[in-house]
Structures are given as structure tokens and as C-alpha cells.
Amino acid sequence: MKAIPRTILTKTAFVSTGSIMMLTPLIFCLTFIFALPSYALEIPEKLIFDLTWTGIKAGTATQEIIEEKESIRVVSIARSADWISVFFPVEDRVESILTKAAPPHLGIPRNYRIKTREGNHRKDKEIIFDHDRRKALYINHLGKEKVDVAIKENTYDIYSSFYYVRTLPLEVGKSVYVSVLDNNELWDVEVQVLKKEKLKTIFGEVNTILIKPLIKSEGIFQRKGEIFIWLTDDARRIPVKMKTKVMIGSITATLVGANSQNPGQPAH
């Protein structure tokens, strides 16, 4: 049996970041064209994904948007399948807490935490944002490291940036950009909007828009190639498929469950 590749979260998306889980995501900010529509996410939202490695089921992942009194919590959890867990258990949790903003945006992050267990490897990292002072505190809890980082206005962590991009107008051939603090490094991340295509999904055959985030550091996976994400081409921009290469083979996340109604109009 081939060795299963070690992955990490995030992450992107687009994203992101953490392991065998794929969503988390990615990354972005756009110059708005006034006449273009806004895109609103459905709250609460829960998405369930099957993760396959070179065609073999390798695990599951969930992504949730939870509304609280004064904040929005977005959570991603990924777990390896039982047959993998025997020799390489994976359990990753990524969470971002955002200060509420006016629709369509969810808000800007105030706290980000990623905790991963992948085989014998552990990670526990946190970012505390202070947007008023344009500062962030990066904490590596296992490495006993703390770093103050200067940030820009509207800086996101790798996971919440995925939700931000879902609220933006996306035009084929035009990239969108966002300031992303990943670990203790600040990046201006480009997300390319590649094309529109029809895709068979749990909602039937629907119109999608394909994006490619250009992650510069640890992204959604410990990856060796490009990341591609298919979003429904409607107001909710639901991620229905993601794919990336890893050290051996590729990982695909396919949406298999959602609390959303059938998005948009069927492809025709």
C-alpha cells in the first residue's frame, strides 16, 4: 500500500489551511464595480465534504457558519477515514471568530485558531487581531513563540478569507486580492477567476465558477501543485468541489451534504 501523504490545513481555498481537509481555506479582496450585485451567505450554514485521495475515500470535512450574539464563528473540522486512522490519524480543527459586519460581508476576524493532529505531528497556533491598532499577535502554543505583526486594514486569516471571497463579485479573467496573515507573515494574495462551467453536484447539474488561489505559504494542504475551487455561480457561492496535488497524488473535496436549498438555477 502506498504511503498516505501528510497534509496540513487551510485554507485556503479556497483554503487555508490545515490538513487533509480542504476548505479553508483562501483569500482575497476586490475593486468593486458599483453596478455588480453583492453575494450573501446563508446563516447558519453547514457543508459536509468527502475527501478522496487518488480516488480513494480518505476522510470527511465539515464547514460551518454559526451566528452568535455579537460575532460570527466559522469552523472547519477534518477527520481521516477509519482505515487511514489505524496508521495515520488526522483530526484538524480550524476556527475563526469575526466581528459582525453589515451584509453581505460576515465581518473581520478577531481570533483565529488552528489545532491539528496528523500522525505524530501536532500544531496549535493562534492569531489575535487588533484592527484598531493595525496589529496582530501570532502565537505558536506548542513552540512557545509569540510574534507581533503589523497588519493592513481589512486583513484576514487564511480561513476567514475564504468566506470573504464568497461575498465578492467574481468576473472571469479578473483576479481578486486580499491581505492575509498566515502564521506570522502578511501576504497580498491573488485569486484568479478562471472560467464558468457546468458541474454535477448534490444539487443536480449547476453552473459554477472556477477560481484558483495563489497561496504563497502553507495553504490548505502541504501541496505540490495548484489549488482549484468550484463555487456555485449564484448569490451563495457554495463550494461544491476543491482539488489540489499533494506530495503523492491529489486530494479532492466533494460536497455531499448541505443545509442550503438548491442554489441558483439548474445548468442549461
Protein backbone atom coordinates (compact mmCIF):
# COMPACT_ATOMS: atom_id res chain seq x y z
CA MET A 1 0.00 0.00 0.00
CA LYS A 2 1.32 3.46 -0.87
CA ALA A 3 2.10 5.83 1.99
CA ILE A 4 -0.59 8.43 2.62
CA PRO A 5 0.76 11.94 2.14
CA ARG A 6 0.98 14.19 5.20
CA THR A 7 -1.20 17.26 4.69
CA ILE A 8 -1.85 20.41 6.64
CA LEU A 9 -4.73 22.77 6.77
CA THR A 10 -6.07 25.80 5.15
CA LYS A 11 -7.12 27.16 3.76
CA THR A 12 -7.01 28.29 1.68
CA ALA A 13 -9.40 27.77 -0.69
CA PHE A 14 -10.13 28.47 -1.43
CA VAL A 15 -8.36 27.10 1.77
CA SER A 16 -6.27 27.83 4.16
CA THR A 17 -5.13 25.54 5.99
CA GLY A 18 -4.68 22.56 7.87
CA SER A 19 -4.53 19.09 6.62
CA ILE A 20 -6.38 16.60 4.66
CA MET A 21 -9.26 18.91 4.92
CA MET A 22 -9.79 21.18 2.14
CA LEU A 23 -11.51 24.18 2.77
CA THR A 24 -10.31 26.58 4.46
CA PRO A 25 -9.48 27.94 3.13
CA LEU A 26 -8.16 31.27 0.50
CA ILE A 27 -8.08 34.63 0.11
CA PHE A 28 -8.96 37.86 -1.39
CA CYS A 29 -10.10 41.44 -1.92
CA LEU A 30 -11.58 43.16 -4.93
CA THR A 31 -12.05 46.53 -6.52
CA PHE A 32 -15.82 46.79 -6.66
CA ILE A 33 -17.74 47.77 -9.76
CA PHE A 34 -20.79 49.64 -8.46
CA ALA A 35 -23.31 48.02 -10.76
CA LEU A 36 -22.34 44.46 -9.86
CA PRO A 37 -24.52 42.55 -7.37
CA SER A 38 -23.50 41.59 -3.83
CA TYR A 39 -23.42 38.00 -2.66
CA ALA A 40 -24.91 36.89 0.65
CA LEU A 41 -24.05 33.73 2.55
CA GLU A 42 -26.75 31.67 4.19
CA ILE A 43 -26.54 31.67 8.02
CA PRO A 44 -26.45 29.20 9.62
CA GLU A 45 -24.61 27.14 7.03
CA LYS A 46 -23.22 23.64 7.33
CA LEU A 47 -21.39 21.92 4.49
CA ILE A 48 -20.15 18.32 4.53
CA PHE A 49 -17.41 17.06 2.22
CA ASP A 50 -15.99 13.68 1.29
CA LEU A 51 -12.22 13.80 0.92
CA THR A 52 -10.67 11.43 -1.58
CA TRP A 53 -7.01 10.73 -2.24
CA THR A 54 -6.29 9.50 -5.76
CA GLY A 55 -9.90 8.25 -5.92
CA ILE A 56 -9.94 6.52 -2.51
CA LYS A 57 -12.01 7.95 0.34
CA ALA A 58 -9.54 9.39 2.84
CA GLY A 59 -11.76 11.30 5.25
CA THR A 60 -14.54 13.81 5.80
CA ALA A 61 -14.65 17.52 6.48
CA THR A 62 -17.32 19.92 7.68
CA GLN A 63 -17.53 23.70 7.45
CA GLU A 64 -19.99 25.74 9.46
CA ILE A 65 -21.08 29.36 9.84
CA ILE A 66 -22.59 29.95 13.27
CA GLU A 67 -24.18 33.25 14.30
CA GLU A 68 -23.63 34.33 17.90
CA LYS A 69 -24.75 37.36 19.84
CA GLU A 70 -22.02 39.76 18.74
CA SER A 71 -19.91 37.64 16.43
CA ILE A 72 -19.81 35.11 13.62
CA ARG A 73 -17.96 31.84 14.17
CA VAL A 74 -16.70 29.81 11.21
CA VAL A 75 -15.42 26.33 11.97
CA SER A 76 -13.82 23.63 9.87
CA ILE A 77 -13.18 20.08 11.12
CA ALA A 78 -11.46 17.31 9.18
CA ARG A 79 -11.02 13.69 10.18
CA SER A 80 -9.33 10.79 8.45
CA ALA A 81 -11.26 7.68 7.46
CA ASP A 82 -11.07 4.71 9.82
CA TRP A 83 -8.72 2.73 7.58
CA ILE A 84 -6.23 5.61 7.49
CA SER A 85 -6.60 6.40 11.20
CA VAL A 86 -5.15 2.98 12.07
CA PHE A 87 -1.69 4.11 11.00
CA PHE A 88 -2.01 7.86 10.26
CA PRO A 89 -4.80 9.53 12.27
CA VAL A 90 -5.81 13.01 11.18
CA GLU A 91 -8.01 15.33 13.25
CA ASP A 92 -7.84 19.02 12.43
CA ARG A 93 -9.92 21.92 13.69
CA VAL A 94 -9.76 25.47 12.36
CA GLU A 95 -11.86 28.26 13.82
CA SER A 96 -12.15 31.96 13.11
CA ILE A 97 -14.26 34.35 15.17
CA LEU A 98 -15.32 37.50 13.34
CA THR A 99 -16.78 40.78 14.49
CA LYS A 100 -20.13 41.15 12.74
CA ALA A 101 -20.34 43.44 9.71
CA ALA A 102 -23.18 44.71 7.54
CA PRO A 103 -24.28 42.24 4.83
CA PRO A 104 -23.09 40.86 2.54
CA HIS A 105 -19.79 40.51 4.45
CA LEU A 106 -19.56 38.39 7.58
CA GLY A 107 -17.02 40.66 9.28
CA ILE A 108 -13.32 40.87 10.03
CA PRO A 109 -11.50 38.33 12.21
CA ARG A 110 -10.62 38.98 15.82
CA ASN A 111 -9.33 35.50 16.69
CA TYR A 112 -8.05 32.58 14.63
CA ARG A 113 -7.03 29.16 15.98
CA ILE A 114 -5.77 26.04 14.20
CA LYS A 115 -5.17 22.77 16.03
CA THR A 116 -4.02 19.77 14.02
CA ARG A 117 -3.09 16.20 14.70
CA GLU A 118 -1.60 14.39 11.72
CA GLY A 119 0.12 11.16 12.61
CA ASN A 120 2.77 12.07 15.18
CA HIS A 121 2.71 15.74 14.19
CA ARG A 122 0.85 18.34 16.24
CA LYS A 123 0.15 22.04 15.68
CA ASP A 124 -1.58 24.58 17.84
CA LYS A 125 -1.40 28.12 16.50
CA GLU A 126 -3.41 31.24 17.16
CA ILE A 127 -3.70 34.79 15.85
CA ILE A 128 -5.29 37.59 17.89
CA PHE A 129 -6.22 40.59 15.74
CA ASP A 130 -6.28 44.22 16.88
CA HIS A 131 -7.59 46.01 13.80
CA ASP A 132 -7.83 49.39 15.52
CA ARG A 133 -4.08 49.41 16.17
CA ARG A 134 -3.25 47.58 12.90
CA LYS A 135 -1.52 44.87 14.92
CA ALA A 136 -1.86 41.12 15.35
CA LEU A 137 -0.32 38.72 17.85
CA TYR A 138 0.79 35.37 16.42
CA ILE A 139 1.14 32.57 18.99
CA ASN A 140 2.65 29.14 18.44
CA HIS A 141 1.37 27.37 21.56
CA LEU A 142 3.50 24.26 21.12
CA GLY A 143 6.62 26.12 20.02
CA LYS A 144 6.29 28.71 22.81
CA GLU A 145 6.60 31.52 20.26
CA LYS A 146 4.88 34.91 20.22
CA VAL A 147 5.33 37.48 17.46
CA ASP A 148 3.73 40.92 16.99
CA VAL A 149 2.90 41.57 13.35
CA ALA A 150 1.87 44.82 11.66
CA ILE A 151 -1.24 44.33 9.52
CA LYS A 152 -3.18 46.34 6.95
CA GLU A 153 -6.77 47.47 7.04
CA ASN A 154 -9.13 44.54 6.44
CA THR A 155 -6.55 41.81 6.99
CA TYR A 156 -7.93 38.27 7.21
CA ASP A 157 -6.64 34.93 8.39
CA ILE A 158 -6.33 32.19 5.79
CA TYR A 159 -9.67 30.60 6.74
CA SER A 160 -11.96 33.63 7.06
CA SER A 161 -10.59 34.99 3.78
CA PHE A 162 -12.33 32.10 2.02
CA TYR A 163 -15.69 33.30 3.30
CA TYR A 164 -14.84 36.88 2.37
CA VAL A 165 -14.19 35.98 -1.25
CA ARG A 166 -17.53 34.22 -1.46
CA THR A 167 -19.27 37.57 -0.89
CA LEU A 168 -17.47 39.33 -3.75
CA PRO A 169 -18.48 39.74 -7.39
CA LEU A 170 -16.26 37.42 -9.46
CA GLU A 171 -15.59 38.11 -13.12
CA VAL A 172 -13.87 35.63 -15.39
CA GLY A 173 -10.42 36.86 -16.35
CA LYS A 174 -10.15 39.29 -13.43
CA SER A 175 -8.22 38.48 -10.27
CA VAL A 176 -9.29 39.49 -6.77
CA TYR A 177 -6.89 40.23 -3.92
CA VAL A 178 -6.91 40.15 -0.14
CA SER A 179 -4.46 40.79 2.69
CA VAL A 180 -3.95 37.51 4.54
CA LEU A 181 -1.97 36.90 7.73
CA ASP A 182 -0.75 33.31 7.53
CA ASN A 183 1.30 32.30 10.58
CA ASN A 184 3.36 35.44 11.22
CA GLU A 185 3.63 36.57 7.60
CA LEU A 186 1.39 39.04 5.78
CA TRP A 187 0.62 38.34 2.14
CA ASP A 188 -1.31 40.12 -0.59
CA VAL A 189 -2.88 37.01 -2.05
CA GLU A 190 -4.20 36.83 -5.59
CA VAL A 191 -7.19 34.66 -6.50
CA GLN A 192 -7.63 34.09 -10.21
CA VAL A 193 -11.14 33.72 -11.63
CA LEU A 194 -10.62 31.20 -14.40
CA LYS A 195 -13.89 30.25 -16.06
CA LYS A 196 -17.51 29.18 -15.68
CA GLU A 197 -18.54 25.58 -16.19
CA LYS A 198 -21.38 23.16 -15.54
CA LEU A 199 -20.78 20.59 -12.81
CA LYS A 200 -22.75 17.63 -11.50
CA THR A 201 -23.35 18.16 -7.77
CA ILE A 202 -25.66 17.10 -4.96
CA PHE A 203 -27.96 19.88 -6.23
CA GLY A 204 -28.00 18.40 -9.73
CA GLU A 205 -26.12 19.91 -12.65
CA VAL A 206 -25.46 23.55 -11.78
CA ASN A 207 -23.46 26.46 -13.13
CA THR A 208 -20.18 27.01 -11.28
CA ILE A 209 -17.33 29.46 -11.33
CA LEU A 210 -13.77 28.14 -11.04
CA ILE A 211 -11.18 30.03 -9.01
CA LYS A 212 -7.51 29.42 -8.27
CA PRO A 213 -5.96 30.99 -5.14
CA LEU A 214 -2.22 31.56 -5.36
CA ILE A 215 -1.16 30.54 -1.85
CA LYS A 216 2.42 31.51 -1.08
CA SER A 217 2.95 29.64 2.18
CA GLU A 218 1.36 26.63 3.91
CA GLY A 219 -2.04 26.57 2.39
CA ILE A 220 -4.97 24.30 2.66
CA PHE A 221 -2.64 21.39 2.10
CA GLN A 222 1.01 20.68 2.19
CA ARG A 223 0.69 20.83 -1.52
CA LYS A 224 2.91 20.40 -4.53
CA GLY A 225 0.66 21.96 -7.15
CA GLU A 226 -2.21 24.33 -7.79
CA ILE A 227 -5.46 24.56 -5.87
CA PHE A 228 -8.77 24.76 -7.76
CA ILE A 229 -12.15 25.57 -6.19
CA TRP A 230 -15.56 25.37 -7.85
CA LEU A 231 -18.21 27.73 -6.41
CA THR A 232 -21.87 27.78 -7.40
CA ASP A 233 -22.44 30.71 -9.74
CA ASP A 234 -25.25 32.19 -7.67
CA ALA A 235 -25.63 34.52 -4.69
CA ARG A 236 -24.42 31.95 -2.15
CA ARG A 237 -21.17 30.89 -3.85
CA ILE A 238 -21.31 27.44 -2.26
CA PRO A 239 -18.05 25.47 -2.67
CA VAL A 240 -19.07 22.20 -4.32
CA LYS A 241 -15.63 20.86 -5.24
CA MET A 242 -11.96 21.51 -4.49
CA LYS A 243 -8.86 19.80 -5.80
CA THR A 244 -5.12 20.06 -5.22
CA LYS A 245 -1.98 17.99 -5.65
CA VAL A 246 -0.13 16.81 -2.55
CA MET A 247 3.20 15.05 -2.11
CA ILE A 248 1.77 11.84 -3.57
CA GLY A 249 -1.27 12.06 -5.83
CA SER A 250 -4.07 14.55 -5.30
CA ILE A 251 -6.81 15.37 -2.82
CA THR A 252 -10.38 16.16 -3.91
CA ALA A 253 -13.11 17.51 -1.64
CA THR A 254 -16.63 16.92 -2.93
CA LEU A 255 -19.71 18.42 -1.32
CA VAL A 256 -22.03 15.61 -0.16
CA GLY A 257 -24.29 17.41 2.32
CA ALA A 258 -25.61 20.92 2.94
CA ASN A 259 -28.36 22.71 4.80
CA SER A 260 -28.82 25.02 1.81
CA GLN A 261 -31.61 24.74 -0.71
CA ASN A 262 -30.82 24.04 -4.34
CA PRO A 263 -28.62 27.02 -5.30
CA GLY A 264 -29.41 29.20 -8.27
CA GLN A 265 -30.90 27.80 -11.42
CA PRO A 266 -30.00 24.39 -12.86
CA ALA A 267 -27.39 24.49 -15.60
CA HIS A 268 -28.84 24.64 -19.09
